[in-house]
PDB file of N, CA and C in Angstrom:
ATOM      1  N   UNK A   1      42.708 130.836  93.965  1.00  0.00           N
ATOM      2  CA  UNK A   1      44.359 130.417  93.172  1.00  0.00           C
ATOM      3  C   UNK A   1      44.681 132.302  93.326  1.00  0.00           C
ATOM      4  N   UNK A   2      44.120 133.247  92.517  1.00  0.00           N
ATOM      5  CA  UNK A   2      44.884 134.289  91.749  1.00  0.00           C
ATOM      6  C   UNK A   2      45.550 134.935  93.384  1.00  0.00           C
ATOM      7  N   UNK A   3      44.947 135.105  94.088  1.00  0.00           N
ATOM      8  CA  UNK A   3      45.465 135.682  95.471  1.00  0.00           C
ATOM      9  C   UNK A   3      46.498 134.450  96.613  1.00  0.00           C
ATOM     10  N   UNK A   4      46.547 133.438  95.729  1.00  0.00           N
ATOM     11  CA  UNK A   4      47.353 132.705  96.677  1.00  0.00           C
ATOM     12  C   UNK A   4      49.229 132.548  95.939  1.00  0.00           C
ATOM     13  N   UNK A   5      48.839 132.855  93.934  1.00  0.00           N
ATOM     14  CA  UNK A   5      49.868 133.008  93.401  1.00  0.00           C
ATOM     15  C   UNK A   5      50.876 134.579  94.033  1.00  0.00           C
ATOM     16  N   UNK A   6      49.863 135.258  93.971  1.00  0.00           N
ATOM     17  CA  UNK A   6      50.273 136.352  94.531  1.00  0.00           C
ATOM     18  C   UNK A   6      51.312 136.556  95.357  1.00  0.00           C
ATOM     19  N   UNK A   7      50.467 135.332  96.705  1.00  0.00           N
ATOM     20  CA  UNK A   7      51.231 135.593  97.712  1.00  0.00           C
ATOM     21  C   UNK A   7      52.184 134.796  98.161  1.00  0.00           C
ATOM     22  N   UNK A   8      52.681 134.326  97.346  1.00  0.00           N
ATOM     23  CA  UNK A   8      53.347 133.309  96.689  1.00  0.00           C
ATOM     24  C   UNK A   8      53.004 131.571  97.503  1.00  0.00           C
ATOM     25  N   UNK A   9      51.683 131.522  98.040  1.00  0.00           N
ATOM     26  CA  UNK A   9      50.990 130.375  98.763  1.00  0.00           C
ATOM     27  C   UNK A   9      51.219 129.522  97.485  1.00  0.00           C
ATOM     28  N   UNK A  10      50.910 128.014  97.801  1.00  0.00           N
ATOM     29  CA  UNK A  10      50.598 126.942  96.442  1.00  0.00           C
ATOM     30  C   UNK A  10      49.157 127.280  96.241  1.00  0.00           C
ATOM     31  N   UNK A  11      49.252 126.795  94.921  1.00  0.00           N
ATOM     32  CA  UNK A  11      47.628 126.990  93.959  1.00  0.00           C
ATOM     33  C   UNK A  11      47.062 125.548  94.351  1.00  0.00           C
ATOM     34  N   UNK A  12      45.405 126.606  94.925  1.00  0.00           N
ATOM     35  CA  UNK A  12      44.614 125.004  95.330  1.00  0.00           C
ATOM     36  C   UNK A  12      43.208 125.883  95.020  1.00  0.00           C
ATOM     37  N   UNK A  13      42.194 124.928  95.169  1.00  0.00           N
ATOM     38  CA  UNK A  13      41.146 125.923  94.639  1.00  0.00           C
ATOM     39  C   UNK A  13      40.367 125.700  95.914  1.00  0.00           C
ATOM     40  N   UNK A  14      39.078 126.483  96.478  1.00  0.00           N
ATOM     41  CA  UNK A  14      38.563 126.132  98.167  1.00  0.00           C
ATOM     42  C   UNK A  14      37.329 126.426  97.953  1.00  0.00           C
ATOM     43  N   UNK A  15      36.798 125.707  98.165  1.00  0.00           N
ATOM     44  CA  UNK A  15      35.308 125.851  98.362  1.00  0.00           C
ATOM     45  C   UNK A  15      34.534 125.558 100.000  1.00  0.00           C
ATOM     46  N   UNK A  16      33.791 126.781 100.166  1.00  0.00           N
ATOM     47  CA  UNK A  16      33.502 126.631 101.683  1.00  0.00           C
ATOM     48  C   UNK A  16      31.913 126.209 101.532  1.00  0.00           C
ATOM     49  N   UNK A  17      32.062 125.483 102.520  1.00  0.00           N
ATOM     50  CA  UNK A  17      30.618 124.856 102.940  1.00  0.00           C
ATOM     51  C   UNK A  17      29.791 124.974 104.471  1.00  0.00           C
ATOM     52  N   UNK A  18      28.701 124.317 105.094  1.00  0.00           N
ATOM     53  CA  UNK A  18      28.258 124.919 106.449  1.00  0.00           C
ATOM     54  C   UNK A  18      28.680 123.315 106.828  1.00  0.00           C
ATOM     55  N   UNK A  19      29.227 122.354 106.828  1.00  0.00           N
ATOM     56  CA  UNK A  19      28.965 121.148 107.261  1.00  0.00           C
ATOM     57  C   UNK A  19      30.225 120.360 106.313  1.00  0.00           C
ATOM     58  N   UNK A  20      30.906 119.993 107.738  1.00  0.00           N
ATOM     59  CA  UNK A  20      31.943 119.440 108.245  1.00  0.00           C
ATOM     60  C   UNK A  20      32.008 118.381 107.428  1.00  0.00           C
ATOM     61  N   UNK A  21      31.941 117.273 106.514  1.00  0.00           N
ATOM     62  CA  UNK A  21      32.066 115.695 106.031  1.00  0.00           C
ATOM     63  C   UNK A  21      32.320 115.282 107.239  1.00  0.00           C
ATOM     64  N   UNK A  22      31.545 114.182 107.977  1.00  0.00           N
ATOM     65  CA  UNK A  22      31.796 113.541 108.563  1.00  0.00           C
ATOM     66  C   UNK A  22      33.039 111.876 108.589  1.00  0.00           C
ATOM     67  N   UNK A  23      32.665 111.409 107.030  1.00  0.00           N
ATOM     68  CA  UNK A  23      33.793 110.692 106.449  1.00  0.00           C
ATOM     69  C   UNK A  23      34.972 111.478 105.711  1.00  0.00           C
ATOM     70  N   UNK A  24      35.340 112.430 106.426  1.00  0.00           N
ATOM     71  CA  UNK A  24      36.164 113.312 106.045  1.00  0.00           C
ATOM     72  C   UNK A  24      38.197 112.116 105.596  1.00  0.00           C
ATOM     73  N   UNK A  25      37.966 111.468 106.698  1.00  0.00           N
ATOM     74  CA  UNK A  25      39.466 110.703 106.046  1.00  0.00           C
ATOM     75  C   UNK A  25      39.402 110.241 105.947  1.00  0.00           C
ATOM     76  N   UNK A  26      38.334 109.529 104.421  1.00  0.00           N
ATOM     77  CA  UNK A  26      38.262 108.347 103.480  1.00  0.00           C
ATOM     78  C   UNK A  26      37.704 109.318 102.698  1.00  0.00           C
ATOM     79  N   UNK A  27      37.650 111.336 102.748  1.00  0.00           N
ATOM     80  CA  UNK A  27      37.713 111.901 101.477  1.00  0.00           C
ATOM     81  C   UNK A  27      38.688 111.799 100.744  1.00  0.00           C
ATOM     82  N   UNK A  28      39.460 112.181 102.574  1.00  0.00           N
ATOM     83  CA  UNK A  28      41.663 112.898 102.039  1.00  0.00           C
ATOM     84  C   UNK A  28      42.295 111.461 101.040  1.00  0.00           C
ATOM     85  N   UNK A  29      41.789 110.243 101.555  1.00  0.00           N
ATOM     86  CA  UNK A  29      42.652 109.573 101.420  1.00  0.00           C
ATOM     87  C   UNK A  29      41.482 108.315  99.461  1.00  0.00           C
ATOM     88  N   UNK A  30      42.144 109.869  98.681  1.00  0.00           N
ATOM     89  CA  UNK A  30      41.763 109.608  97.352  1.00  0.00           C
ATOM     90  C   UNK A  30      39.774 110.104  96.590  1.00  0.00           C
ATOM     91  N   UNK A  31      39.782 110.911  97.407  1.00  0.00           N
ATOM     92  CA  UNK A  31      38.046 110.890  97.197  1.00  0.00           C
ATOM     93  C   UNK A  31      38.008 112.093  96.611  1.00  0.00           C
ATOM     94  N   UNK A  32      36.969 112.327  96.170  1.00  0.00           N
ATOM     95  CA  UNK A  32      36.816 114.231  95.256  1.00  0.00           C
ATOM     96  C   UNK A  32      35.536 114.630  95.537  1.00  0.00           C
ATOM     97  N   UNK A  33      35.282 116.063  94.977  1.00  0.00           N
ATOM     98  CA  UNK A  33      34.227 116.262  95.182  1.00  0.00           C
ATOM     99  C   UNK A  33      33.855 116.782  93.621  1.00  0.00           C
ATOM    100  N   UNK A  34      32.507 116.207  93.808  1.00  0.00           N
ATOM    101  CA  UNK A  34      31.854 116.250  92.880  1.00  0.00           C
ATOM    102  C   UNK A  34      30.854 116.472  92.015  1.00  0.00           C
ATOM    103  N   UNK A  35      31.305 117.664  91.109  1.00  0.00           N
ATOM    104  CA  UNK A  35      29.820 119.057  90.423  1.00  0.00           C
ATOM    105  C   UNK A  35      29.051 118.298  89.884  1.00  0.00           C
ATOM    106  N   UNK A  36      27.548 118.637  90.836  1.00  0.00           N
ATOM    107  CA  UNK A  36      26.365 118.797  89.743  1.00  0.00           C
ATOM    108  C   UNK A  36      25.783 119.573  89.135  1.00  0.00           C
ATOM    109  N   UNK A  37      26.064 120.157  87.513  1.00  0.00           N
ATOM    110  CA  UNK A  37      25.381 121.261  86.948  1.00  0.00           C
ATOM    111  C   UNK A  37      24.912 120.543  86.351  1.00  0.00           C
ATOM    112  N   UNK A  38      23.160 121.755  86.447  1.00  0.00           N
ATOM    113  CA  UNK A  38      22.463 121.807  85.246  1.00  0.00           C
ATOM    114  C   UNK A  38      22.052 120.351  85.733  1.00  0.00           C
ATOM    115  N   UNK A  39      21.360 119.602  86.314  1.00  0.00           N
ATOM    116  CA  UNK A  39      20.879 118.145  87.103  1.00  0.00           C
ATOM    117  C   UNK A  39      21.572 117.437  86.554  1.00  0.00           C
ATOM    118  N   UNK A  40      23.523 117.156  85.957  1.00  0.00           N
ATOM    119  CA  UNK A  40      23.534 116.498  85.793  1.00  0.00           C
ATOM    120  C   UNK A  40      25.437 116.598  86.802  1.00  0.00           C
ATOM    121  N   UNK A  41      26.151 115.004  87.024  1.00  0.00           N
ATOM    122  CA  UNK A  41      27.495 115.314  87.458  1.00  0.00           C
ATOM    123  C   UNK A  41      28.180 115.634  86.321  1.00  0.00           C
ATOM    124  N   UNK A  42      29.021 116.431  86.404  1.00  0.00           N
ATOM    125  CA  UNK A  42      29.844 116.851  84.669  1.00  0.00           C
ATOM    126  C   UNK A  42      31.463 117.086  85.324  1.00  0.00           C
ATOM    127  N   UNK A  43      31.671 117.119  86.476  1.00  0.00           N
ATOM    128  CA  UNK A  43      33.292 117.291  86.575  1.00  0.00           C
ATOM    129  C   UNK A  43      33.339 117.010  88.580  1.00  0.00           C
ATOM    130  N   UNK A  44      34.844 116.976  88.472  1.00  0.00           N
ATOM    131  CA  UNK A  44      35.294 116.756  89.526  1.00  0.00           C
ATOM    132  C   UNK A  44      36.319 117.297  90.388  1.00  0.00           C
ATOM    133  N   UNK A  45      36.748 117.473  91.309  1.00  0.00           N
ATOM    134  CA  UNK A  45      37.983 118.070  91.552  1.00  0.00           C
ATOM    135  C   UNK A  45      38.491 117.076  92.997  1.00  0.00           C
ATOM    136  N   UNK A  46      39.920 116.602  92.967  1.00  0.00           N
ATOM    137  CA  UNK A  46      40.304 115.866  93.599  1.00  0.00           C
ATOM    138  C   UNK A  46      40.696 116.335  95.144  1.00  0.00           C
ATOM    139  N   UNK A  47      40.205 116.021  96.239  1.00  0.00           N
ATOM    140  CA  UNK A  47      40.376 117.210  97.626  1.00  0.00           C
ATOM    141  C   UNK A  47      41.556 116.259  98.118  1.00  0.00           C
ATOM    142  N   UNK A  48      41.880 117.592  98.618  1.00  0.00           N
ATOM    143  CA  UNK A  48      43.853 117.505  99.451  1.00  0.00           C
ATOM    144  C   UNK A  48      43.015 117.866 100.726  1.00  0.00           C
ATOM    145  N   UNK A  49      42.329 119.025 101.344  1.00  0.00           N
ATOM    146  CA  UNK A  49      42.073 119.173 102.678  1.00  0.00           C
ATOM    147  C   UNK A  49      41.149 119.266 103.019  1.00  0.00           C
ATOM    148  N   UNK A  50      40.691 119.153 104.351  1.00  0.00           N
ATOM    149  CA  UNK A  50      39.454 119.638 105.010  1.00  0.00           C
ATOM    150  C   UNK A  50      40.208 120.544 106.168  1.00  0.00           C
ATOM    151  N   UNK A  51      39.059 121.974 106.455  1.00  0.00           N
ATOM    152  CA  UNK A  51      39.515 122.857 107.298  1.00  0.00           C
ATOM    153  C   UNK A  51      38.741 123.411 107.971  1.00  0.00           C
ATOM    154  N   UNK A  52      38.580 122.819 108.933  1.00  0.00           N
ATOM    155  CA  UNK A  52      37.047 123.575 109.753  1.00  0.00           C
ATOM    156  C   UNK A  52      37.623 125.035 110.426  1.00  0.00           C
ATOM    157  N   UNK A  53      36.289 126.058 110.156  1.00  0.00           N
ATOM    158  CA  UNK A  53      36.520 126.790 110.930  1.00  0.00           C
ATOM    159  C   UNK A  53      35.497 128.052 111.414  1.00  0.00           C
ATOM    160  N   UNK A  54      36.073 128.864 111.820  1.00  0.00           N
ATOM    161  CA  UNK A  54      34.424 129.820 112.204  1.00  0.00           C
ATOM    162  C   UNK A  54      34.347 131.078 112.036  1.00  0.00           C
ATOM    163  N   UNK A  55      33.684 131.648 110.975  1.00  0.00           N
ATOM    164  CA  UNK A  55      33.445 132.706 110.388  1.00  0.00           C
ATOM    165  C   UNK A  55      33.287 134.201 111.277  1.00  0.00           C
ATOM    166  N   UNK A  56      33.414 135.444 110.521  1.00  0.00           N
ATOM    167  CA  UNK A  56      32.943 136.248 111.798  1.00  0.00           C
ATOM    168  C   UNK A  56      31.587 136.596 112.533  1.00  0.00           C
ATOM    169  N   UNK A  57      30.988 135.657 112.512  1.00  0.00           N
ATOM    170  CA  UNK A  57      29.525 135.848 113.202  1.00  0.00           C
ATOM    171  C   UNK A  57      30.163 134.819 114.062  1.00  0.00           C
ATOM    172  N   UNK A  58      30.751 133.884 113.944  1.00  0.00           N
ATOM    173  CA  UNK A  58      30.948 132.409 115.293  1.00  0.00           C
ATOM    174  C   UNK A  58      30.434 131.567 115.177  1.00  0.00           C
ATOM    175  N   UNK A  59      29.770 131.021 113.110  1.00  0.00           N
ATOM    176  CA  UNK A  59      29.209 130.224 112.450  1.00  0.00           C
ATOM    177  C   UNK A  59      30.368 129.297 111.942  1.00  0.00           C
ATOM    178  N   UNK A  60      30.363 127.794 112.465  1.00  0.00           N
ATOM    179  CA  UNK A  60      30.998 127.257 112.215  1.00  0.00           C
ATOM    180  C   UNK A  60      30.952 126.499 110.472  1.00  0.00           C
ATOM    181  N   UNK A  61      32.231 126.667 110.222  1.00  0.00           N
ATOM    182  CA  UNK A  61      32.256 126.306 107.908  1.00  0.00           C
ATOM    183  C   UNK A  61      32.650 125.623 108.183  1.00  0.00           C
ATOM    184  N   UNK A  62      32.733 125.100 106.764  1.00  0.00           N
ATOM    185  CA  UNK A  62      34.397 124.121 106.646  1.00  0.00           C
ATOM    186  C   UNK A  62      35.181 124.674 104.990  1.00  0.00           C
ATOM    187  N   UNK A  63      35.961 124.652 105.159  1.00  0.00           N
ATOM    188  CA  UNK A  63      37.277 124.746 103.951  1.00  0.00           C
ATOM    189  C   UNK A  63      37.272 123.596 103.152  1.00  0.00           C
ATOM    190  N   UNK A  64      36.956 123.545 101.836  1.00  0.00           N
ATOM    191  CA  UNK A  64      37.140 121.996 101.068  1.00  0.00           C
ATOM    192  C   UNK A  64      38.242 122.627 100.464  1.00  0.00           C
ATOM    193  N   UNK A  65      39.647 122.260 100.366  1.00  0.00           N
ATOM    194  CA  UNK A  65      40.711 122.122  99.984  1.00  0.00           C
ATOM    195  C   UNK A  65      40.872 121.045  98.770  1.00  0.00           C
ATOM    196  N   UNK A  66      40.686 121.407  97.269  1.00  0.00           N
ATOM    197  CA  UNK A  66      41.013 120.742  96.330  1.00  0.00           C
ATOM    198  C   UNK A  66      41.955 121.246  95.589  1.00  0.00           C
ATOM    199  N   UNK A  67      42.749 120.174  95.156  1.00  0.00           N
ATOM    200  CA  UNK A  67      43.266 120.114  93.224  1.00  0.00           C
ATOM    201  C   UNK A  67      43.051 121.427  92.171  1.00  0.00           C
ATOM    202  N   UNK A  68      44.050 122.277  92.209  1.00  0.00           N
ATOM    203  CA  UNK A  68      42.995 122.652  91.052  1.00  0.00           C
ATOM    204  C   UNK A  68      43.691 122.751  89.130  1.00  0.00           C
ATOM    205  N   UNK A  69      42.934 121.640  89.419  1.00  0.00           N
ATOM    206  CA  UNK A  69      42.950 120.994  88.366  1.00  0.00           C
ATOM    207  C   UNK A  69      41.009 120.229  88.034  1.00  0.00           C
ATOM    208  N   UNK A  70      40.086 120.339  87.578  1.00  0.00           N
ATOM    209  CA  UNK A  70      38.840 120.259  87.290  1.00  0.00           C
ATOM    210  C   UNK A  70      38.792 119.332  85.991  1.00  0.00           C
ATOM    211  N   UNK A  71      38.339 118.086  86.500  1.00  0.00           N
ATOM    212  CA  UNK A  71      38.488 117.147  85.657  1.00  0.00           C
ATOM    213  C   UNK A  71      37.150 116.631  85.060  1.00  0.00           C
ATOM    214  N   UNK A  72      36.743 116.484  83.666  1.00  0.00           N
ATOM    215  CA  UNK A  72      35.236 116.361  83.658  1.00  0.00           C
ATOM    216  C   UNK A  72      35.201 114.627  83.487  1.00  0.00           C
ATOM    217  N   UNK A  73      34.037 114.266  83.566  1.00  0.00           N
ATOM    218  CA  UNK A  73      33.732 112.997  84.222  1.00  0.00           C
ATOM    219  C   UNK A  73      32.387 112.935  83.245  1.00  0.00           C
ATOM    220  N   UNK A  74      31.777 111.663  82.641  1.00  0.00           N
ATOM    221  CA  UNK A  74      30.854 110.955  82.231  1.00  0.00           C
ATOM    222  C   UNK A  74      29.951 111.975  82.503  1.00  0.00           C
ATOM    223  N   UNK A  75      29.199 112.563  81.968  1.00  0.00           N
ATOM    224  CA  UNK A  75      27.733 113.441  82.271  1.00  0.00           C
ATOM    225  C   UNK A  75      26.836 112.187  82.769  1.00  0.00           C
ATOM    226  N   UNK A  76      26.225 112.578  84.535  1.00  0.00           N
ATOM    227  CA  UNK A  76      24.894 111.206  84.719  1.00  0.00           C
ATOM    228  C   UNK A  76      24.243 111.929  85.377  1.00  0.00           C
ATOM    229  N   UNK A  77      22.710 112.061  85.391  1.00  0.00           N
ATOM    230  CA  UNK A  77      22.099 112.335  85.730  1.00  0.00           C
ATOM    231  C   UNK A  77      21.951 112.795  86.955  1.00  0.00           C
ATOM    232  N   UNK A  78      21.508 113.791  87.796  1.00  0.00           N
ATOM    233  CA  UNK A  78      22.045 113.772  90.197  1.00  0.00           C
ATOM    234  C   UNK A  78      20.787 114.794  89.507  1.00  0.00           C
ATOM    235  N   UNK A  79      19.801 114.428  90.849  1.00  0.00           N
ATOM    236  CA  UNK A  79      19.127 115.623  91.087  1.00  0.00           C
ATOM    237  C   UNK A  79      19.534 116.462  92.089  1.00  0.00           C
ATOM    238  N   UNK A  80      19.220 118.062  92.149  1.00  0.00           N
ATOM    239  CA  UNK A  80      20.160 118.909  93.065  1.00  0.00           C
ATOM    240  C   UNK A  80      20.008 118.385  94.489  1.00  0.00           C
ATOM    241  N   UNK A  81      21.304 118.915  95.324  1.00  0.00           N
ATOM    242  CA  UNK A  81      20.895 118.406  96.424  1.00  0.00           C
ATOM    243  C   UNK A  81      21.557 118.958  97.576  1.00  0.00           C
ATOM    244  N   UNK A  82      21.334 119.187  99.073  1.00  0.00           N
ATOM    245  CA  UNK A  82      22.509 119.543  99.821  1.00  0.00           C
ATOM    246  C   UNK A  82      22.654 118.659 100.546  1.00  0.00           C
ATOM    247  N   UNK A  83      23.886 119.222 101.380  1.00  0.00           N
ATOM    248  CA  UNK A  83      24.440 117.749 102.143  1.00  0.00           C
ATOM    249  C   UNK A  83      25.559 116.809 101.232  1.00  0.00           C
ATOM    250  N   UNK A  84      26.060 115.967 101.783  1.00  0.00           N
ATOM    251  CA  UNK A  84      27.011 115.184 101.637  1.00  0.00           C
ATOM    252  C   UNK A  84      26.371 113.988 100.370  1.00  0.00           C
ATOM    253  N   UNK A  85      26.909 113.450  99.563  1.00  0.00           N
ATOM    254  CA  UNK A  85      26.376 112.233  99.258  1.00  0.00           C
ATOM    255  C   UNK A  85      27.598 111.642  98.626  1.00  0.00           C
ATOM    256  N   UNK A  86      28.280 110.598  99.137  1.00  0.00           N
ATOM    257  CA  UNK A  86      29.354 109.973  99.251  1.00  0.00           C
ATOM    258  C   UNK A  86      28.855 109.174  98.299  1.00  0.00           C
ATOM    259  N   UNK A  87      29.798 108.941  96.844  1.00  0.00           N
ATOM    260  CA  UNK A  87      29.954 108.026  96.099  1.00  0.00           C
ATOM    261  C   UNK A  87      30.951 106.364  96.018  1.00  0.00           C
ATOM    262  N   UNK A  88      30.297 105.175  96.426  1.00  0.00           N
ATOM    263  CA  UNK A  88      31.324 104.599  95.704  1.00  0.00           C
ATOM    264  C   UNK A  88      31.754 104.373  94.679  1.00  0.00           C
ATOM    265  N   UNK A  89      33.130 103.642  94.865  1.00  0.00           N
ATOM    266  CA  UNK A  89      34.096 103.438  93.411  1.00  0.00           C
ATOM    267  C   UNK A  89      33.307 103.431  92.579  1.00  0.00           C
ATOM    268  N   UNK A  90      32.597 102.617  92.774  1.00  0.00           N
ATOM    269  CA  UNK A  90      31.506 101.768  91.524  1.00  0.00           C
ATOM    270  C   UNK A  90      30.425 102.585  90.835  1.00  0.00           C
ATOM    271  N   UNK A  91      29.651 103.824  91.974  1.00  0.00           N
ATOM    272  CA  UNK A  91      29.216 104.237  91.442  1.00  0.00           C
ATOM    273  C   UNK A  91      29.816 106.000  90.977  1.00  0.00           C
ATOM    274  N   UNK A  92      31.295 106.024  91.127  1.00  0.00           N
ATOM    275  CA  UNK A  92      31.587 107.343  90.471  1.00  0.00           C
ATOM    276  C   UNK A  92      31.204 107.541  89.358  1.00  0.00           C
ATOM    277  N   UNK A  93      30.792 108.192  88.299  1.00  0.00           N
ATOM    278  CA  UNK A  93      30.602 108.271  86.877  1.00  0.00           C
ATOM    279  C   UNK A  93      32.236 108.097  86.552  1.00  0.00           C
ATOM    280  N   UNK A  94      32.683 107.892  85.607  1.00  0.00           N
ATOM    281  CA  UNK A  94      34.424 107.657  84.812  1.00  0.00           C
ATOM    282  C   UNK A  94      34.604 108.600  84.123  1.00  0.00           C
ATOM    283  N   UNK A  95      35.960 109.257  84.725  1.00  0.00           N
ATOM    284  CA  UNK A  95      36.410 110.312  83.851  1.00  0.00           C
ATOM    285  C   UNK A  95      36.387 110.122  82.173  1.00  0.00           C
ATOM    286  N   UNK A  96      35.516 111.800  81.585  1.00  0.00           N
ATOM    287  CA  UNK A  96      36.233 111.865  80.365  1.00  0.00           C
ATOM    288  C   UNK A  96      37.345 111.534  79.370  1.00  0.00           C
ATOM    289  N   UNK A  97      38.730 111.543  79.833  1.00  0.00           N
ATOM    290  CA  UNK A  97      39.633 111.253  79.497  1.00  0.00           C
ATOM    291  C   UNK A  97      39.642 111.942  78.196  1.00  0.00           C
ATOM    292  N   UNK A  98      40.686 111.272  77.082  1.00  0.00           N
ATOM    293  CA  UNK A  98      41.232 112.756  76.477  1.00  0.00           C
ATOM    294  C   UNK A  98      40.212 113.007  74.898  1.00  0.00           C
ATOM    295  N   UNK A  99      38.742 112.471  74.676  1.00  0.00           N
ATOM    296  CA  UNK A  99      37.821 113.585  74.898  1.00  0.00           C
ATOM    297  C   UNK A  99      37.014 114.123  75.319  1.00  0.00           C
ATOM    298  N   UNK A 100      37.429 114.286  76.351  1.00  0.00           N
ATOM    299  CA  UNK A 100      36.766 115.389  76.811  1.00  0.00           C
ATOM    300  C   UNK A 100      36.555 116.720  76.272  1.00  0.00           C
ATOM    301  N   UNK A 101      37.570 117.400  76.257  1.00  0.00           N
ATOM    302  CA  UNK A 101      37.322 118.537  75.422  1.00  0.00           C
ATOM    303  C   UNK A 101      36.185 118.780  74.411  1.00  0.00           C
ATOM    304  N   UNK A 102      36.581 117.861  73.171  1.00  0.00           N
ATOM    305  CA  UNK A 102      34.903 117.820  72.344  1.00  0.00           C
ATOM    306  C   UNK A 102      34.405 117.772  72.674  1.00  0.00           C
ATOM    307  N   UNK A 103      34.001 116.585  74.102  1.00  0.00           N
ATOM    308  CA  UNK A 103      32.541 116.465  74.720  1.00  0.00           C
ATOM    309  C   UNK A 103      32.186 117.713  75.540  1.00  0.00           C
ATOM    310  N   UNK A 104      32.842 118.282  75.942  1.00  0.00           N
ATOM    311  CA  UNK A 104      32.274 119.511  76.667  1.00  0.00           C
ATOM    312  C   UNK A 104      32.235 120.892  75.671  1.00  0.00           C
ATOM    313  N   UNK A 105      32.710 121.084  74.879  1.00  0.00           N
ATOM    314  CA  UNK A 105      32.490 121.934  73.574  1.00  0.00           C
ATOM    315  C   UNK A 105      30.666 121.540  72.986  1.00  0.00           C
ATOM    316  N   UNK A 106      30.578 120.470  72.949  1.00  0.00           N
ATOM    317  CA  UNK A 106      29.780 120.317  72.512  1.00  0.00           C
ATOM    318  C   UNK A 106      28.387 120.877  73.614  1.00  0.00           C
ATOM    319  N   UNK A 107      27.267 121.578  72.337  1.00  0.00           N
ATOM    320  CA  UNK A 107      26.120 122.390  73.353  1.00  0.00           C
ATOM    321  C   UNK A 107      25.518 121.258  74.019  1.00  0.00           C
ATOM    322  N   UNK A 108      24.768 121.753  74.859  1.00  0.00           N
ATOM    323  CA  UNK A 108      23.831 120.610  76.503  1.00  0.00           C
ATOM    324  C   UNK A 108      23.113 120.642  75.398  1.00  0.00           C
ATOM    325  N   UNK A 109      22.429 119.875  75.118  1.00  0.00           N
ATOM    326  CA  UNK A 109      21.106 119.632  74.109  1.00  0.00           C
ATOM    327  C   UNK A 109      21.882 118.018  73.200  1.00  0.00           C
ATOM    328  N   UNK A 110      22.397 118.493  72.554  1.00  0.00           N
ATOM    329  CA  UNK A 110      23.227 117.434  71.552  1.00  0.00           C
ATOM    330  C   UNK A 110      24.149 116.806  73.009  1.00  0.00           C
ATOM    331  N   UNK A 111      24.309 117.139  73.862  1.00  0.00           N
ATOM    332  CA  UNK A 111      24.672 115.980  74.702  1.00  0.00           C
ATOM    333  C   UNK A 111      24.696 115.410  75.467  1.00  0.00           C
ATOM    334  N   UNK A 112      22.666 115.797  76.302  1.00  0.00           N
ATOM    335  CA  UNK A 112      22.470 114.865  76.258  1.00  0.00           C
ATOM    336  C   UNK A 112      21.510 113.871  75.796  1.00  0.00           C
ATOM    337  N   UNK A 113      21.338 114.224  74.238  1.00  0.00           N
ATOM    338  CA  UNK A 113      20.568 113.626  73.416  1.00  0.00           C
ATOM    339  C   UNK A 113      21.571 112.329  73.404  1.00  0.00           C
ATOM    340  N   UNK A 114      22.695 112.389  72.914  1.00  0.00           N
ATOM    341  CA  UNK A 114      23.386 111.027  72.796  1.00  0.00           C
ATOM    342  C   UNK A 114      23.654 110.533  73.813  1.00  0.00           C
ATOM    343  N   UNK A 115      23.781 111.475  74.640  1.00  0.00           N
ATOM    344  CA  UNK A 115      23.681 110.640  75.932  1.00  0.00           C
ATOM    345  C   UNK A 115      22.256 109.368  76.098  1.00  0.00           C
ATOM    346  N   UNK A 116      21.217 110.385  76.440  1.00  0.00           N
ATOM    347  CA  UNK A 116      20.449 109.359  76.687  1.00  0.00           C
ATOM    348  C   UNK A 116      20.050 108.188  75.434  1.00  0.00           C
ATOM    349  N   UNK A 117      20.761 108.149  74.160  1.00  0.00           N
ATOM    350  CA  UNK A 117      20.838 107.284  73.028  1.00  0.00           C
ATOM    351  C   UNK A 117      21.840 106.367  73.730  1.00  0.00           C
ATOM    352  N   UNK A 118      22.524 106.673  74.448  1.00  0.00           N
ATOM    353  CA  UNK A 118      23.734 105.477  75.091  1.00  0.00           C
ATOM    354  C   UNK A 118      24.860 105.829  73.958  1.00  0.00           C
ATOM    355  N   UNK A 119      25.099 106.799  73.308  1.00  0.00           N
ATOM    356  CA  UNK A 119      26.101 107.144  72.416  1.00  0.00           C
ATOM    357  C   UNK A 119      27.311 107.973  73.434  1.00  0.00           C
ATOM    358  N   UNK A 120      27.072 108.497  74.202  1.00  0.00           N
ATOM    359  CA  UNK A 120      28.061 109.014  75.386  1.00  0.00           C
ATOM    360  C   UNK A 120      27.931 108.226  76.568  1.00  0.00           C
TER     361      UNK A 120
END
């Protein structure tokens, strides 16, 4: 985003991956990339573009272009994985909303314990 700002380009976040999503049209119609951090789905970023390309070695890659806003979600356990996992609307964790900052500032062990007790 810093490079884009310096060049006068729109600010967005880019994540480069090896695989291009097969259901890209669905993802661009309001989908998000959910981040699994320390065994939990913890945040999401709204996808605004998918750009397949070849790197300097000729290997196919994909740029996932996202809005520059990270949205914290209600943490939910998720095993580490590689590749795509598509979440239905019913399976996607809800955004934390106005209390997101206070929950994000909690020490991780406390947050996990409160979640396990059904309090978060």
